[in-house]
Amino acid sequence: MKICAYCGTANPDSALLCKACGAGEFKNKCNNCGTVFESNFCPTCGTKAGAKPRVCPRCSESHFTPACPRCGYVPGANKGAEPAKPRPQVVVQPVPVVQTIEKEKKKITFGTVLLWIFFWPVMAVVAAHNIERLKKACKLFLTVIISMIILGSYVCSI
């Protein structure tokens, strides 16, 4: 399940845009333990984002592990042999996976070019606020500088 990074609405795994606000950035919600995370694997249980649970044909238990935790059934193993006895459940703490997530570059459309040509001050402020590396003070400083440029060009034209 995907959770919208802006409004927190739950969306299906196949969603490209949030059904509530239309945003395109999501966080993942683990189908196994319910943890909300940003990487491809749950930091709590190690389950892959968007993984569907398996259903055991013997006991109908849904699980995310290769073997059924209730009856020990492993698909394809011990064909024709007697059923495996349930093993005590061992809780294994997964090692946190650190991954760098590369964002896809957004395509520049003709409409974006027109917005930059006719509304460049507004687009410059929006672009400055979309840079994640900048701190709030730097974003505020850039906004003030761009506003002063706009005000100066307006005053000079009068």
C-alpha atoms as a PDB file:
ATOM      1  CA  MET A   1       0.000   0.000   0.000  1.00  0.00           C
ATOM      2  CA  LYS A   2       1.230   3.508  -0.782  1.00  0.00           C
ATOM      3  CA  ILE A   3       0.710   6.459   1.556  1.00  0.00           C
ATOM      4  CA  CYS A   4       0.702   9.976   0.075  1.00  0.00           C
ATOM      5  CA  ALA A   5       3.707  11.948   1.331  1.00  0.00           C
ATOM      6  CA  TYR A   6       1.626  15.159   1.451  1.00  0.00           C
ATOM      7  CA  CYS A   7      -1.885  14.320   2.648  1.00  0.00           C
ATOM      8  CA  GLY A   8      -1.393  10.832   4.166  1.00  0.00           C
ATOM      9  CA  THR A   9      -4.145   9.171   2.100  1.00  0.00           C
ATOM     10  CA  ALA A  10      -3.836   5.417   1.527  1.00  0.00           C
ATOM     11  CA  ASN A  11      -3.559   4.505  -2.170  1.00  0.00           C
ATOM     12  CA  PRO A  12      -3.250   1.156  -3.985  1.00  0.00           C
ATOM     13  CA  ASP A  13       0.240  -0.113  -4.924  1.00  0.00           C
ATOM     14  CA  SER A  14      -0.398   0.619  -8.610  1.00  0.00           C
ATOM     15  CA  ALA A  15      -1.227   4.321  -8.036  1.00  0.00           C
ATOM     16  CA  LEU A  16       0.887   6.916  -9.836  1.00  0.00           C
ATOM     17  CA  LEU A  17      -0.928   9.920  -8.360  1.00  0.00           C
ATOM     18  CA  CYS A  18      -2.709  10.342  -5.022  1.00  0.00           C
ATOM     19  CA  LYS A  19      -6.455   9.851  -5.355  1.00  0.00           C
ATOM     20  CA  ALA A  20      -7.117  12.661  -2.832  1.00  0.00           C
ATOM     21  CA  CYS A  21      -4.663  15.455  -3.667  1.00  0.00           C
ATOM     22  CA  GLY A  22      -3.027  14.399  -6.960  1.00  0.00           C
ATOM     23  CA  ALA A  23       0.541  14.405  -5.607  1.00  0.00           C
ATOM     24  CA  GLY A  24       3.050  12.004  -7.113  1.00  0.00           C
ATOM     25  CA  GLU A  25       5.248  11.288  -4.077  1.00  0.00           C
ATOM     26  CA  PHE A  26       4.461   8.315  -1.887  1.00  0.00           C
ATOM     27  CA  LYS A  27       5.744   6.465   1.141  1.00  0.00           C
ATOM     28  CA  ASN A  28       5.242   2.713   1.419  1.00  0.00           C
ATOM     29  CA  LYS A  29       3.188   0.959   4.090  1.00  0.00           C
ATOM     30  CA  CYS A  30       4.293  -2.573   4.922  1.00  0.00           C
ATOM     31  CA  ASN A  31       1.544  -5.127   4.278  1.00  0.00           C
ATOM     32  CA  ASN A  32       3.105  -7.361   6.948  1.00  0.00           C
ATOM     33  CA  CYS A  33       3.713  -5.124   9.983  1.00  0.00           C
ATOM     34  CA  GLY A  34       2.151  -1.759   9.004  1.00  0.00           C
ATOM     35  CA  THR A  35       5.358   0.308   9.216  1.00  0.00           C
ATOM     36  CA  VAL A  36       5.475   3.402   6.961  1.00  0.00           C
ATOM     37  CA  PHE A  37       8.839   3.773   5.186  1.00  0.00           C
ATOM     38  CA  GLU A  38      10.430   5.368   2.110  1.00  0.00           C
ATOM     39  CA  SER A  39      12.792   2.632   0.831  1.00  0.00           C
ATOM     40  CA  ASN A  40      11.996  -0.548  -1.117  1.00  0.00           C
ATOM     41  CA  PHE A  41      12.142  -2.847   1.934  1.00  0.00           C
ATOM     42  CA  CYS A  42      10.501  -2.484   5.351  1.00  0.00           C
ATOM     43  CA  PRO A  43      13.134  -1.558   7.968  1.00  0.00           C
ATOM     44  CA  THR A  44      11.174  -3.434  10.658  1.00  0.00           C
ATOM     45  CA  CYS A  45      10.473  -6.839   9.096  1.00  0.00           C
ATOM     46  CA  GLY A  46      12.374  -6.807   5.778  1.00  0.00           C
ATOM     47  CA  THR A  47       9.299  -7.354   3.573  1.00  0.00           C
ATOM     48  CA  LYS A  48       9.516  -5.852   0.074  1.00  0.00           C
ATOM     49  CA  ALA A  49       7.246  -2.858  -0.558  1.00  0.00           C
ATOM     50  CA  GLY A  50       3.980  -3.926  -2.204  1.00  0.00           C
ATOM     51  CA  ALA A  51       4.499  -7.658  -1.487  1.00  0.00           C
ATOM     52  CA  LYS A  52       1.332  -9.727  -1.373  1.00  0.00           C
ATOM     53  CA  PRO A  53       0.928 -12.378   1.344  1.00  0.00           C
ATOM     54  CA  ARG A  54       1.080 -16.081   0.469  1.00  0.00           C
ATOM     55  CA  VAL A  55      -1.759 -18.337   1.611  1.00  0.00           C
ATOM     56  CA  CYS A  56      -0.823 -21.760   2.974  1.00  0.00           C
ATOM     57  CA  PRO A  57      -2.765 -24.556   1.206  1.00  0.00           C
ATOM     58  CA  ARG A  58      -2.751 -26.653   4.393  1.00  0.00           C
ATOM     59  CA  CYS A  59      -3.888 -24.277   7.109  1.00  0.00           C
ATOM     60  CA  SER A  60      -5.010 -21.164   5.128  1.00  0.00           C
ATOM     61  CA  GLU A  61      -2.618 -18.939   7.124  1.00  0.00           C
ATOM     62  CA  SER A  62      -1.473 -15.855   5.206  1.00  0.00           C
ATOM     63  CA  HIS A  63       2.245 -15.138   5.560  1.00  0.00           C
ATOM     64  CA  PHE A  64       5.141 -13.301   3.937  1.00  0.00           C
ATOM     65  CA  THR A  65       7.839 -15.894   4.700  1.00  0.00           C
ATOM     66  CA  PRO A  66       8.911 -18.758   2.394  1.00  0.00           C
ATOM     67  CA  ALA A  67       7.527 -21.349   4.858  1.00  0.00           C
ATOM     68  CA  CYS A  68       4.203 -21.211   6.682  1.00  0.00           C
ATOM     69  CA  PRO A  69       4.865 -20.114  10.296  1.00  0.00           C
ATOM     70  CA  ARG A  70       1.890 -22.107  11.613  1.00  0.00           C
ATOM     71  CA  CYS A  71       2.342 -25.549  10.014  1.00  0.00           C
ATOM     72  CA  GLY A  72       5.819 -25.325   8.417  1.00  0.00           C
ATOM     73  CA  TYR A  73       4.597 -26.010   4.859  1.00  0.00           C
ATOM     74  CA  VAL A  74       7.161 -25.149   2.170  1.00  0.00           C
ATOM     75  CA  PRO A  75       5.868 -25.130  -1.437  1.00  0.00           C
ATOM     76  CA  GLY A  76       7.665 -27.733  -3.577  1.00  0.00           C
ATOM     77  CA  ALA A  77       9.596 -29.312  -0.698  1.00  0.00           C
ATOM     78  CA  ASN A  78       9.045 -32.866   0.576  1.00  0.00           C
ATOM     79  CA  LYS A  79       6.514 -33.866  -2.088  1.00  0.00           C
ATOM     80  CA  GLY A  80       4.836 -37.069  -0.975  1.00  0.00           C
ATOM     81  CA  ALA A  81       6.484 -37.006   2.444  1.00  0.00           C
ATOM     82  CA  GLU A  82       4.581 -36.609   5.675  1.00  0.00           C
ATOM     83  CA  PRO A  83       3.759 -33.035   6.711  1.00  0.00           C
ATOM     84  CA  ALA A  84       6.404 -31.135   8.586  1.00  0.00           C
ATOM     85  CA  LYS A  85       5.832 -30.526  12.261  1.00  0.00           C
ATOM     86  CA  PRO A  86       5.359 -26.942  13.313  1.00  0.00           C
ATOM     87  CA  ARG A  87       8.573 -25.348  14.406  1.00  0.00           C
ATOM     88  CA  PRO A  88       8.815 -22.788  17.172  1.00  0.00           C
ATOM     89  CA  GLN A  89       8.647 -19.316  15.756  1.00  0.00           C
ATOM     90  CA  VAL A  90      11.932 -17.436  15.931  1.00  0.00           C
ATOM     91  CA  VAL A  91      11.901 -13.666  15.645  1.00  0.00           C
ATOM     92  CA  VAL A  92      14.836 -12.449  13.579  1.00  0.00           C
ATOM     93  CA  GLN A  93      15.699  -8.788  13.602  1.00  0.00           C
ATOM     94  CA  PRO A  94      16.511  -7.760  10.011  1.00  0.00           C
ATOM     95  CA  VAL A  95      19.554  -5.676   9.234  1.00  0.00           C
ATOM     96  CA  PRO A  96      18.482  -2.196   8.111  1.00  0.00           C
ATOM     97  CA  VAL A  97      19.067  -1.719   4.395  1.00  0.00           C
ATOM     98  CA  VAL A  98      20.491   1.649   3.440  1.00  0.00           C
ATOM     99  CA  GLN A  99      19.790   2.555  -0.149  1.00  0.00           C
ATOM    100  CA  THR A 100      20.119   5.714  -2.114  1.00  0.00           C
ATOM    101  CA  ILE A 101      16.953   6.549  -3.949  1.00  0.00           C
ATOM    102  CA  GLU A 102      17.417   8.331  -7.231  1.00  0.00           C
ATOM    103  CA  LYS A 103      14.544  10.537  -8.238  1.00  0.00           C
ATOM    104  CA  GLU A 104      13.423  10.482 -11.822  1.00  0.00           C
ATOM    105  CA  LYS A 105      14.048  13.660 -13.743  1.00  0.00           C
ATOM    106  CA  LYS A 106      10.856  15.448 -14.625  1.00  0.00           C
ATOM    107  CA  LYS A 107      10.244  16.031 -18.309  1.00  0.00           C
ATOM    108  CA  ILE A 108      10.200  19.650 -19.427  1.00  0.00           C
ATOM    109  CA  THR A 109       7.021  20.312 -21.362  1.00  0.00           C
ATOM    110  CA  PHE A 110       6.068  23.210 -23.611  1.00  0.00           C
ATOM    111  CA  GLY A 111       3.728  24.505 -20.884  1.00  0.00           C
ATOM    112  CA  THR A 112       6.611  24.612 -18.394  1.00  0.00           C
ATOM    113  CA  VAL A 113       8.709  26.624 -20.845  1.00  0.00           C
ATOM    114  CA  LEU A 114       5.843  29.083 -21.328  1.00  0.00           C
ATOM    115  CA  LEU A 115       5.431  29.437 -17.552  1.00  0.00           C
ATOM    116  CA  TRP A 116       9.146  30.222 -17.193  1.00  0.00           C
ATOM    117  CA  ILE A 117       8.974  32.816 -19.997  1.00  0.00           C
ATOM    118  CA  PHE A 118       5.893  34.689 -18.789  1.00  0.00           C
ATOM    119  CA  PHE A 119       6.001  34.084 -15.029  1.00  0.00           C
ATOM    120  CA  TRP A 120       9.742  33.691 -14.373  1.00  0.00           C
ATOM    121  CA  PRO A 121       9.704  35.349 -10.906  1.00  0.00           C
ATOM    122  CA  VAL A 122       7.009  33.007  -9.616  1.00  0.00           C
ATOM    123  CA  MET A 123       8.683  29.977 -11.214  1.00  0.00           C
ATOM    124  CA  ALA A 124      12.059  30.995  -9.707  1.00  0.00           C
ATOM    125  CA  VAL A 125      10.532  31.097  -6.213  1.00  0.00           C
ATOM    126  CA  VAL A 126       8.846  27.708  -6.775  1.00  0.00           C
ATOM    127  CA  ALA A 127      12.104  26.210  -8.059  1.00  0.00           C
ATOM    128  CA  ALA A 128      13.998  27.547  -5.031  1.00  0.00           C
ATOM    129  CA  HIS A 129      11.471  25.989  -2.655  1.00  0.00           C
ATOM    130  CA  ASN A 130      11.605  22.610  -4.440  1.00  0.00           C
ATOM    131  CA  ILE A 131      15.340  22.182  -3.803  1.00  0.00           C
ATOM    132  CA  GLU A 132      15.467  19.808  -0.822  1.00  0.00           C
ATOM    133  CA  ARG A 133      19.096  20.499   0.090  1.00  0.00           C
ATOM    134  CA  LEU A 134      18.451  24.177   0.866  1.00  0.00           C
ATOM    135  CA  LYS A 135      17.615  25.189   4.399  1.00  0.00           C
ATOM    136  CA  LYS A 136      14.555  27.318   5.193  1.00  0.00           C
ATOM    137  CA  ALA A 137      16.647  30.454   5.780  1.00  0.00           C
ATOM    138  CA  CYS A 138      18.296  30.104   2.367  1.00  0.00           C
ATOM    139  CA  LYS A 139      14.909  29.586   0.679  1.00  0.00           C
ATOM    140  CA  LEU A 140      13.552  32.686   2.420  1.00  0.00           C
ATOM    141  CA  PHE A 141      16.643  34.676   1.356  1.00  0.00           C
ATOM    142  CA  LEU A 142      16.204  33.611  -2.290  1.00  0.00           C
ATOM    143  CA  THR A 143      12.512  34.534  -2.152  1.00  0.00           C
ATOM    144  CA  VAL A 144      13.338  38.013  -0.791  1.00  0.00           C
ATOM    145  CA  ILE A 145      16.036  38.580  -3.444  1.00  0.00           C
ATOM    146  CA  ILE A 146      13.708  37.538  -6.274  1.00  0.00           C
ATOM    147  CA  SER A 147      10.938  39.748  -4.837  1.00  0.00           C
ATOM    148  CA  MET A 148      13.345  42.710  -4.705  1.00  0.00           C
ATOM    149  CA  ILE A 149      14.294  42.134  -8.348  1.00  0.00           C
ATOM    150  CA  ILE A 150      10.625  42.086  -9.322  1.00  0.00           C
ATOM    151  CA  LEU A 151       9.875  45.235  -7.296  1.00  0.00           C
ATOM    152  CA  GLY A 152      12.951  46.997  -8.714  1.00  0.00           C
ATOM    153  CA  SER A 153      11.998  46.216 -12.307  1.00  0.00           C
ATOM    154  CA  TYR A 154       8.434  47.405 -11.633  1.00  0.00           C
ATOM    155  CA  VAL A 155       9.610  50.670 -10.028  1.00  0.00           C
ATOM    156  CA  CYS A 156      12.062  51.351 -12.878  1.00  0.00           C
ATOM    157  CA  SER A 157       9.346  50.850 -15.489  1.00  0.00           C
ATOM    158  CA  ILE A 158       7.109  53.525 -13.933  1.00  0.00           C
END
